[in-house]
Amino acid sequence: MGQVLIRNLDDALIADFRRVAKANGRSLEAELREALAQARPRESLTGASLRALVESMWAMTPEGAAGVDSTPVIRQARDED
């Protein structure tokens, strides 16, 4: 696994992460690792890949479902709980 050294971090930022790490029962390093994992850059979809994703989602939608009222289904699910 790689290592990264980040210089010139604001002391208040480090203090905030220390406080949150303690509240979460983790070390500062583990808290920062989790924060970086959550902030990981996502692949941006453009052009043909976005179009393909939309078409695949439409293919999963039952025919005619666009005009269906889901209120009765939601009420039934709520009443069963």
PDB file of N, CA and C in Angstrom:
ATOM      1  N   MET A   1       0.841  -1.187   0.000  1.00  0.00           N
ATOM      2  CA  MET A   1       0.000   0.000   0.000  1.00  0.00           C
ATOM      3  C   MET A   1       0.877   1.238   0.000  1.00  0.00           C
ATOM      4  N   GLY A   2       0.389   2.256  -0.625  1.00  0.00           N
ATOM      5  CA  GLY A   2       1.146   3.497  -0.718  1.00  0.00           C
ATOM      6  C   GLY A   2       1.018   4.360   0.517  1.00  0.00           C
ATOM      7  N   GLN A   3       1.867   5.358   0.576  1.00  0.00           N
ATOM      8  CA  GLN A   3       1.845   6.326   1.662  1.00  0.00           C
ATOM      9  C   GLN A   3       1.854   7.714   1.063  1.00  0.00           C
ATOM     10  N   VAL A   4       1.227   8.647   1.778  1.00  0.00           N
ATOM     11  CA  VAL A   4       1.171  10.040   1.333  1.00  0.00           C
ATOM     12  C   VAL A   4       1.465  10.925   2.535  1.00  0.00           C
ATOM     13  N   LEU A   5       2.273  11.930   2.330  1.00  0.00           N
ATOM     14  CA  LEU A   5       2.538  12.924   3.359  1.00  0.00           C
ATOM     15  C   LEU A   5       1.916  14.230   2.886  1.00  0.00           C
ATOM     16  N   ILE A   6       1.023  14.778   3.695  1.00  0.00           N
ATOM     17  CA  ILE A   6       0.370  16.044   3.340  1.00  0.00           C
ATOM     18  C   ILE A   6       0.866  17.106   4.299  1.00  0.00           C
ATOM     19  N   ARG A   7       1.491  18.120   3.753  1.00  0.00           N
ATOM     20  CA  ARG A   7       2.059  19.190   4.578  1.00  0.00           C
ATOM     21  C   ARG A   7       1.111  20.380   4.654  1.00  0.00           C
ATOM     22  N   ASN A   8       1.349  21.215   5.649  1.00  0.00           N
ATOM     23  CA  ASN A   8       0.674  22.505   5.807  1.00  0.00           C
ATOM     24  C   ASN A   8      -0.840  22.382   5.966  1.00  0.00           C
ATOM     25  N   LEU A   9      -1.294  21.397   6.744  1.00  0.00           N
ATOM     26  CA  LEU A   9      -2.708  21.290   7.058  1.00  0.00           C
ATOM     27  C   LEU A   9      -3.049  22.252   8.184  1.00  0.00           C
ATOM     28  N   ASP A  10      -4.217  22.818   8.112  1.00  0.00           N
ATOM     29  CA  ASP A  10      -4.692  23.733   9.134  1.00  0.00           C
ATOM     30  C   ASP A  10      -4.834  22.991  10.467  1.00  0.00           C
ATOM     31  N   ASP A  11      -4.328  23.579  11.541  1.00  0.00           N
ATOM     32  CA  ASP A  11      -4.388  22.939  12.863  1.00  0.00           C
ATOM     33  C   ASP A  11      -5.828  22.663  13.292  1.00  0.00           C
ATOM     34  N   ALA A  12      -6.745  23.573  12.952  1.00  0.00           N
ATOM     35  CA  ALA A  12      -8.152  23.373  13.315  1.00  0.00           C
ATOM     36  C   ALA A  12      -8.738  22.166  12.582  1.00  0.00           C
ATOM     37  N   LEU A  13      -8.327  21.956  11.350  1.00  0.00           N
ATOM     38  CA  LEU A  13      -8.794  20.803  10.583  1.00  0.00           C
ATOM     39  C   LEU A  13      -8.331  19.502  11.244  1.00  0.00           C
ATOM     40  N   ILE A  14      -7.081  19.472  11.626  1.00  0.00           N
ATOM     41  CA  ILE A  14      -6.539  18.285  12.297  1.00  0.00           C
ATOM     42  C   ILE A  14      -7.266  18.053  13.619  1.00  0.00           C
ATOM     43  N   ALA A  15      -7.523  19.122  14.358  1.00  0.00           N
ATOM     44  CA  ALA A  15      -8.235  19.003  15.633  1.00  0.00           C
ATOM     45  C   ALA A  15      -9.646  18.456  15.410  1.00  0.00           C
ATOM     46  N   ASP A  16     -10.318  18.912  14.358  1.00  0.00           N
ATOM     47  CA  ASP A  16     -11.655  18.403  14.042  1.00  0.00           C
ATOM     48  C   ASP A  16     -11.612  16.907  13.762  1.00  0.00           C
ATOM     49  N   PHE A  17     -10.639  16.479  12.968  1.00  0.00           N
ATOM     50  CA  PHE A  17     -10.527  15.055  12.658  1.00  0.00           C
ATOM     51  C   PHE A  17     -10.159  14.238  13.893  1.00  0.00           C
ATOM     52  N   ARG A  18      -9.327  14.788  14.772  1.00  0.00           N
ATOM     53  CA  ARG A  18      -8.989  14.077  16.017  1.00  0.00           C
ATOM     54  C   ARG A  18     -10.237  13.878  16.880  1.00  0.00           C
ATOM     55  N   ARG A  19     -11.059  14.934  16.977  1.00  0.00           N
ATOM     56  CA  ARG A  19     -12.278  14.869  17.771  1.00  0.00           C
ATOM     57  C   ARG A  19     -13.242  13.823  17.212  1.00  0.00           C
ATOM     58  N   VAL A  20     -13.434  13.840  15.902  1.00  0.00           N
ATOM     59  CA  VAL A  20     -14.340  12.879  15.262  1.00  0.00           C
ATOM     60  C   VAL A  20     -13.787  11.458  15.385  1.00  0.00           C
ATOM     61  N   ALA A  21     -12.477  11.308  15.237  1.00  0.00           N
ATOM     62  CA  ALA A  21     -11.855   9.993  15.365  1.00  0.00           C
ATOM     63  C   ALA A  21     -12.089   9.426  16.763  1.00  0.00           C
ATOM     64  N   LYS A  22     -11.916  10.267  17.775  1.00  0.00           N
ATOM     65  CA  LYS A  22     -12.128   9.816  19.150  1.00  0.00           C
ATOM     66  C   LYS A  22     -13.586   9.421  19.355  1.00  0.00           C
ATOM     67  N   ALA A  23     -14.515  10.217  18.826  1.00  0.00           N
ATOM     68  CA  ALA A  23     -15.942   9.908  18.957  1.00  0.00           C
ATOM     69  C   ALA A  23     -16.299   8.601  18.250  1.00  0.00           C
ATOM     70  N   ASN A  24     -15.593   8.296  17.174  1.00  0.00           N
ATOM     71  CA  ASN A  24     -15.848   7.068  16.413  1.00  0.00           C
ATOM     72  C   ASN A  24     -15.018   5.881  16.902  1.00  0.00           C
ATOM     73  N   GLY A  25     -14.192   6.119  17.932  1.00  0.00           N
ATOM     74  CA  GLY A  25     -13.364   5.045  18.470  1.00  0.00           C
ATOM     75  C   GLY A  25     -12.273   4.599  17.519  1.00  0.00           C
ATOM     76  N   ARG A  26     -11.764   5.542  16.722  1.00  0.00           N
ATOM     77  CA  ARG A  26     -10.712   5.224  15.753  1.00  0.00           C
ATOM     78  C   ARG A  26      -9.509   6.123  15.986  1.00  0.00           C
ATOM     79  N   SER A  27      -8.407   5.728  15.396  1.00  0.00           N
ATOM     80  CA  SER A  27      -7.218   6.578  15.423  1.00  0.00           C
ATOM     81  C   SER A  27      -7.406   7.705  14.402  1.00  0.00           C
ATOM     82  N   LEU A  28      -6.596   8.735  14.535  1.00  0.00           N
ATOM     83  CA  LEU A  28      -6.627   9.828  13.572  1.00  0.00           C
ATOM     84  C   LEU A  28      -6.333   9.288  12.171  1.00  0.00           C
ATOM     85  N   GLU A  29      -5.361   8.403  12.075  1.00  0.00           N
ATOM     86  CA  GLU A  29      -5.002   7.826  10.773  1.00  0.00           C
ATOM     87  C   GLU A  29      -6.182   7.067  10.158  1.00  0.00           C
ATOM     88  N   ALA A  30      -6.867   6.278  10.961  1.00  0.00           N
ATOM     89  CA  ALA A  30      -8.014   5.520  10.447  1.00  0.00           C
ATOM     90  C   ALA A  30      -9.141   6.452  10.020  1.00  0.00           C
ATOM     91  N   GLU A  31      -9.347   7.519  10.775  1.00  0.00           N
ATOM     92  CA  GLU A  31     -10.400   8.483  10.438  1.00  0.00           C
ATOM     93  C   GLU A  31     -10.085   9.197   9.124  1.00  0.00           C
ATOM     94  N   LEU A  32      -8.819   9.566   8.949  1.00  0.00           N
ATOM     95  CA  LEU A  32      -8.419  10.225   7.702  1.00  0.00           C
ATOM     96  C   LEU A  32      -8.514   9.261   6.523  1.00  0.00           C
ATOM     97  N   ARG A  33      -8.157   8.011   6.748  1.00  0.00           N
ATOM     98  CA  ARG A  33      -8.265   6.996   5.689  1.00  0.00           C
ATOM     99  C   ARG A  33      -9.719   6.854   5.245  1.00  0.00           C
ATOM    100  N   GLU A  34     -10.635   6.816   6.222  1.00  0.00           N
ATOM    101  CA  GLU A  34     -12.061   6.704   5.915  1.00  0.00           C
ATOM    102  C   GLU A  34     -12.563   7.945   5.170  1.00  0.00           C
ATOM    103  N   ALA A  35     -12.121   9.118   5.594  1.00  0.00           N
ATOM    104  CA  ALA A  35     -12.539  10.355   4.929  1.00  0.00           C
ATOM    105  C   ALA A  35     -12.074  10.379   3.476  1.00  0.00           C
ATOM    106  N   LEU A  36     -10.859   9.934   3.241  1.00  0.00           N
ATOM    107  CA  LEU A  36     -10.356   9.882   1.861  1.00  0.00           C
ATOM    108  C   LEU A  36     -11.117   8.854   1.029  1.00  0.00           C
ATOM    109  N   ALA A  37     -11.455   7.729   1.627  1.00  0.00           N
ATOM    110  CA  ALA A  37     -12.214   6.714   0.900  1.00  0.00           C
ATOM    111  C   ALA A  37     -13.594   7.243   0.519  1.00  0.00           C
ATOM    112  N   GLN A  38     -14.222   7.996   1.427  1.00  0.00           N
ATOM    113  CA  GLN A  38     -15.541   8.562   1.143  1.00  0.00           C
ATOM    114  C   GLN A  38     -15.481   9.654   0.076  1.00  0.00           C
ATOM    115  N   ALA A  39     -14.356  10.347  -0.001  1.00  0.00           N
ATOM    116  CA  ALA A  39     -14.199  11.449  -0.957  1.00  0.00           C
ATOM    117  C   ALA A  39     -13.560  11.004  -2.266  1.00  0.00           C
ATOM    118  N   ARG A  40     -13.382   9.707  -2.436  1.00  0.00           N
ATOM    119  CA  ARG A  40     -12.727   9.165  -3.644  1.00  0.00           C
ATOM    120  C   ARG A  40     -13.410   9.706  -4.907  1.00  0.00           C
ATOM    121  N   PRO A  41     -12.641  10.156  -5.865  1.00  0.00           N
ATOM    122  CA  PRO A  41     -13.229  10.658  -7.115  1.00  0.00           C
ATOM    123  C   PRO A  41     -14.006   9.551  -7.827  1.00  0.00           C
ATOM    124  N   ARG A  42     -15.147   9.931  -8.355  1.00  0.00           N
ATOM    125  CA  ARG A  42     -15.993   9.002  -9.096  1.00  0.00           C
ATOM    126  C   ARG A  42     -15.758   9.184 -10.588  1.00  0.00           C
ATOM    127  N   GLU A  43     -15.958   8.110 -11.329  1.00  0.00           N
ATOM    128  CA  GLU A  43     -15.841   8.179 -12.786  1.00  0.00           C
ATOM    129  C   GLU A  43     -17.017   8.990 -13.312  1.00  0.00           C
ATOM    130  N   SER A  44     -16.748   9.952 -14.159  1.00  0.00           N
ATOM    131  CA  SER A  44     -17.834  10.731 -14.743  1.00  0.00           C
ATOM    132  C   SER A  44     -18.243  10.107 -16.070  1.00  0.00           C
ATOM    133  N   LEU A  45     -19.554   9.954 -16.228  1.00  0.00           N
ATOM    134  CA  LEU A  45     -20.082   9.355 -17.450  1.00  0.00           C
ATOM    135  C   LEU A  45     -20.387  10.455 -18.461  1.00  0.00           C
ATOM    136  N   THR A  46     -19.955  10.241 -19.674  1.00  0.00           N
ATOM    137  CA  THR A  46     -20.235  11.206 -20.724  1.00  0.00           C
ATOM    138  C   THR A  46     -20.592  10.470 -22.001  1.00  0.00           C
ATOM    139  N   GLY A  47     -21.285  11.149 -22.855  1.00  0.00           N
ATOM    140  CA  GLY A  47     -21.557  10.647 -24.190  1.00  0.00           C
ATOM    141  C   GLY A  47     -22.151   9.255 -24.249  1.00  0.00           C
ATOM    142  N   ALA A  48     -21.486   8.374 -24.974  1.00  0.00           N
ATOM    143  CA  ALA A  48     -21.995   7.041 -25.263  1.00  0.00           C
ATOM    144  C   ALA A  48     -22.168   6.200 -23.993  1.00  0.00           C
ATOM    145  N   SER A  49     -21.252   6.325 -23.018  1.00  0.00           N
ATOM    146  CA  SER A  49     -21.375   5.515 -21.805  1.00  0.00           C
ATOM    147  C   SER A  49     -22.599   5.932 -20.993  1.00  0.00           C
ATOM    148  N   LEU A  50     -22.900   7.224 -20.934  1.00  0.00           N
ATOM    149  CA  LEU A  50     -24.083   7.704 -20.235  1.00  0.00           C
ATOM    150  C   LEU A  50     -25.344   7.239 -20.954  1.00  0.00           C
ATOM    151  N   ARG A  51     -25.350   7.338 -22.264  1.00  0.00           N
ATOM    152  CA  ARG A  51     -26.494   6.890 -23.064  1.00  0.00           C
ATOM    153  C   ARG A  51     -26.740   5.395 -22.852  1.00  0.00           C
ATOM    154  N   ALA A  52     -25.673   4.598 -22.836  1.00  0.00           N
ATOM    155  CA  ALA A  52     -25.805   3.159 -22.625  1.00  0.00           C
ATOM    156  C   ALA A  52     -26.377   2.860 -21.239  1.00  0.00           C
ATOM    157  N   LEU A  53     -25.958   3.611 -20.230  1.00  0.00           N
ATOM    158  CA  LEU A  53     -26.485   3.413 -18.880  1.00  0.00           C
ATOM    159  C   LEU A  53     -27.976   3.722 -18.833  1.00  0.00           C
ATOM    160  N   VAL A  54     -28.376   4.822 -19.420  1.00  0.00           N
ATOM    161  CA  VAL A  54     -29.790   5.198 -19.432  1.00  0.00           C
ATOM    162  C   VAL A  54     -30.611   4.143 -20.156  1.00  0.00           C
ATOM    163  N   GLU A  55     -30.129   3.688 -21.294  1.00  0.00           N
ATOM    164  CA  GLU A  55     -30.862   2.663 -22.054  1.00  0.00           C
ATOM    165  C   GLU A  55     -30.976   1.358 -21.277  1.00  0.00           C
ATOM    166  N   SER A  56     -29.931   0.989 -20.537  1.00  0.00           N
ATOM    167  CA  SER A  56     -30.004  -0.241 -19.743  1.00  0.00           C
ATOM    168  C   SER A  56     -31.001  -0.087 -18.601  1.00  0.00           C
ATOM    169  N   MET A  57     -31.094   1.111 -18.035  1.00  0.00           N
ATOM    170  CA  MET A  57     -32.069   1.346 -16.971  1.00  0.00           C
ATOM    171  C   MET A  57     -33.495   1.303 -17.530  1.00  0.00           C
ATOM    172  N   TRP A  58     -33.688   1.887 -18.708  1.00  0.00           N
ATOM    173  CA  TRP A  58     -35.008   1.835 -19.340  1.00  0.00           C
ATOM    174  C   TRP A  58     -35.385   0.393 -19.649  1.00  0.00           C
ATOM    175  N   ALA A  59     -34.426  -0.418 -20.023  1.00  0.00           N
ATOM    176  CA  ALA A  59     -34.696  -1.821 -20.352  1.00  0.00           C
ATOM    177  C   ALA A  59     -35.176  -2.596 -19.125  1.00  0.00           C
ATOM    178  N   MET A  60     -34.802  -2.157 -17.923  1.00  0.00           N
ATOM    179  CA  MET A  60     -35.231  -2.830 -16.697  1.00  0.00           C
ATOM    180  C   MET A  60     -36.619  -2.389 -16.245  1.00  0.00           C
ATOM    181  N   THR A  61     -37.136  -1.309 -16.839  1.00  0.00           N
ATOM    182  CA  THR A  61     -38.440  -0.772 -16.455  1.00  0.00           C
ATOM    183  C   THR A  61     -39.535  -1.537 -17.184  1.00  0.00           C
ATOM    184  N   PRO A  62     -40.514  -2.064 -16.445  1.00  0.00           N
ATOM    185  CA  PRO A  62     -41.604  -2.792 -17.103  1.00  0.00           C
ATOM    186  C   PRO A  62     -42.347  -1.906 -18.095  1.00  0.00           C
ATOM    187  N   GLU A  63     -42.804  -2.509 -19.166  1.00  0.00           N
ATOM    188  CA  GLU A  63     -43.524  -1.779 -20.213  1.00  0.00           C
ATOM    189  C   GLU A  63     -44.740  -1.076 -19.617  1.00  0.00           C
ATOM    190  N   GLY A  64     -44.868   0.201 -19.910  1.00  0.00           N
ATOM    191  CA  GLY A  64     -46.026   0.961 -19.441  1.00  0.00           C
ATOM    192  C   GLY A  64     -45.935   1.404 -17.993  1.00  0.00           C
ATOM    193  N   ALA A  65     -44.830   1.175 -17.336  1.00  0.00           N
ATOM    194  CA  ALA A  65     -44.719   1.515 -15.913  1.00  0.00           C
ATOM    195  C   ALA A  65     -44.619   3.007 -15.675  1.00  0.00           C
ATOM    196  N   ALA A  66     -44.311   3.769 -16.706  1.00  0.00           N
ATOM    197  CA  ALA A  66     -44.113   5.202 -16.522  1.00  0.00           C
ATOM    198  C   ALA A  66     -45.382   5.901 -16.041  1.00  0.00           C
ATOM    199  N   GLY A  67     -46.554   5.403 -16.436  1.00  0.00           N
ATOM    200  CA  GLY A  67     -47.798   6.050 -16.044  1.00  0.00           C
ATOM    201  C   GLY A  67     -48.523   5.350 -14.909  1.00  0.00           C
ATOM    202  N   VAL A  68     -47.878   4.434 -14.226  1.00  0.00           N
ATOM    203  CA  VAL A  68     -48.524   3.663 -13.166  1.00  0.00           C
ATOM    204  C   VAL A  68     -48.468   4.431 -11.850  1.00  0.00           C
ATOM    205  N   ASP A  69     -49.609   4.456 -11.144  1.00  0.00           N
ATOM    206  CA  ASP A  69     -49.667   5.101  -9.838  1.00  0.00           C
ATOM    207  C   ASP A  69     -49.217   4.101  -8.777  1.00  0.00           C
ATOM    208  N   SER A  70     -48.162   4.393  -8.074  1.00  0.00           N
ATOM    209  CA  SER A  70     -47.617   3.467  -7.075  1.00  0.00           C
ATOM    210  C   SER A  70     -48.222   3.653  -5.691  1.00  0.00           C
ATOM    211  N   THR A  71     -49.155   4.580  -5.546  1.00  0.00           N
ATOM    212  CA  THR A  71     -49.740   4.862  -4.233  1.00  0.00           C
ATOM    213  C   THR A  71     -50.332   3.617  -3.566  1.00  0.00           C
ATOM    214  N   PRO A  72     -51.146   2.797  -4.264  1.00  0.00           N
ATOM    215  CA  PRO A  72     -51.696   1.603  -3.598  1.00  0.00           C
ATOM    216  C   PRO A  72     -50.614   0.626  -3.120  1.00  0.00           C
ATOM    217  N   VAL A  73     -49.568   0.470  -3.891  1.00  0.00           N
ATOM    218  CA  VAL A  73     -48.487  -0.442  -3.515  1.00  0.00           C
ATOM    219  C   VAL A  73     -47.772   0.071  -2.267  1.00  0.00           C
ATOM    220  N   ILE A  74     -47.532   1.362  -2.223  1.00  0.00           N
ATOM    221  CA  ILE A  74     -46.869   1.965  -1.054  1.00  0.00           C
ATOM    222  C   ILE A  74     -47.745   1.830   0.177  1.00  0.00           C
ATOM    223  N   ARG A  75     -49.053   2.108   0.034  1.00  0.00           N
ATOM    224  CA  ARG A  75     -49.973   1.978   1.182  1.00  0.00           C
ATOM    225  C   ARG A  75     -50.006   0.546   1.695  1.00  0.00           C
ATOM    226  N   GLN A  76     -50.056  -0.408   0.788  1.00  0.00           N
ATOM    227  CA  GLN A  76     -50.096  -1.820   1.193  1.00  0.00           C
ATOM    228  C   GLN A  76     -48.824  -2.203   1.949  1.00  0.00           C
ATOM    229  N   ALA A  77     -47.675  -1.774   1.447  1.00  0.00           N
ATOM    230  CA  ALA A  77     -46.401  -2.082   2.112  1.00  0.00           C
ATOM    231  C   ALA A  77     -46.358  -1.428   3.495  1.00  0.00           C
ATOM    232  N   ARG A  78     -46.836  -0.203   3.595  1.00  0.00           N
ATOM    233  CA  ARG A  78     -46.839   0.504   4.874  1.00  0.00           C
ATOM    234  C   ARG A  78     -47.763  -0.188   5.872  1.00  0.00           C
ATOM    235  N   ASP A  79     -48.957  -0.618   5.403  1.00  0.00           N
ATOM    236  CA  ASP A  79     -49.924  -1.245   6.283  1.00  0.00           C
ATOM    237  C   ASP A  79     -49.464  -2.614   6.761  1.00  0.00           C
ATOM    238  N   GLU A  80     -48.626  -3.293   5.961  1.00  0.00           N
ATOM    239  CA  GLU A  80     -48.128  -4.614   6.347  1.00  0.00           C
ATOM    240  C   GLU A  80     -47.082  -4.531   7.450  1.00  0.00           C
ATOM    241  N   ASP A  81     -46.443  -3.377   7.603  1.00  0.00           N
ATOM    242  CA  ASP A  81     -45.404  -3.231   8.641  1.00  0.00           C
ATOM    243  C   ASP A  81     -45.967  -3.003   9.992  1.00  0.00           C
TER     244      ASP A  81
END
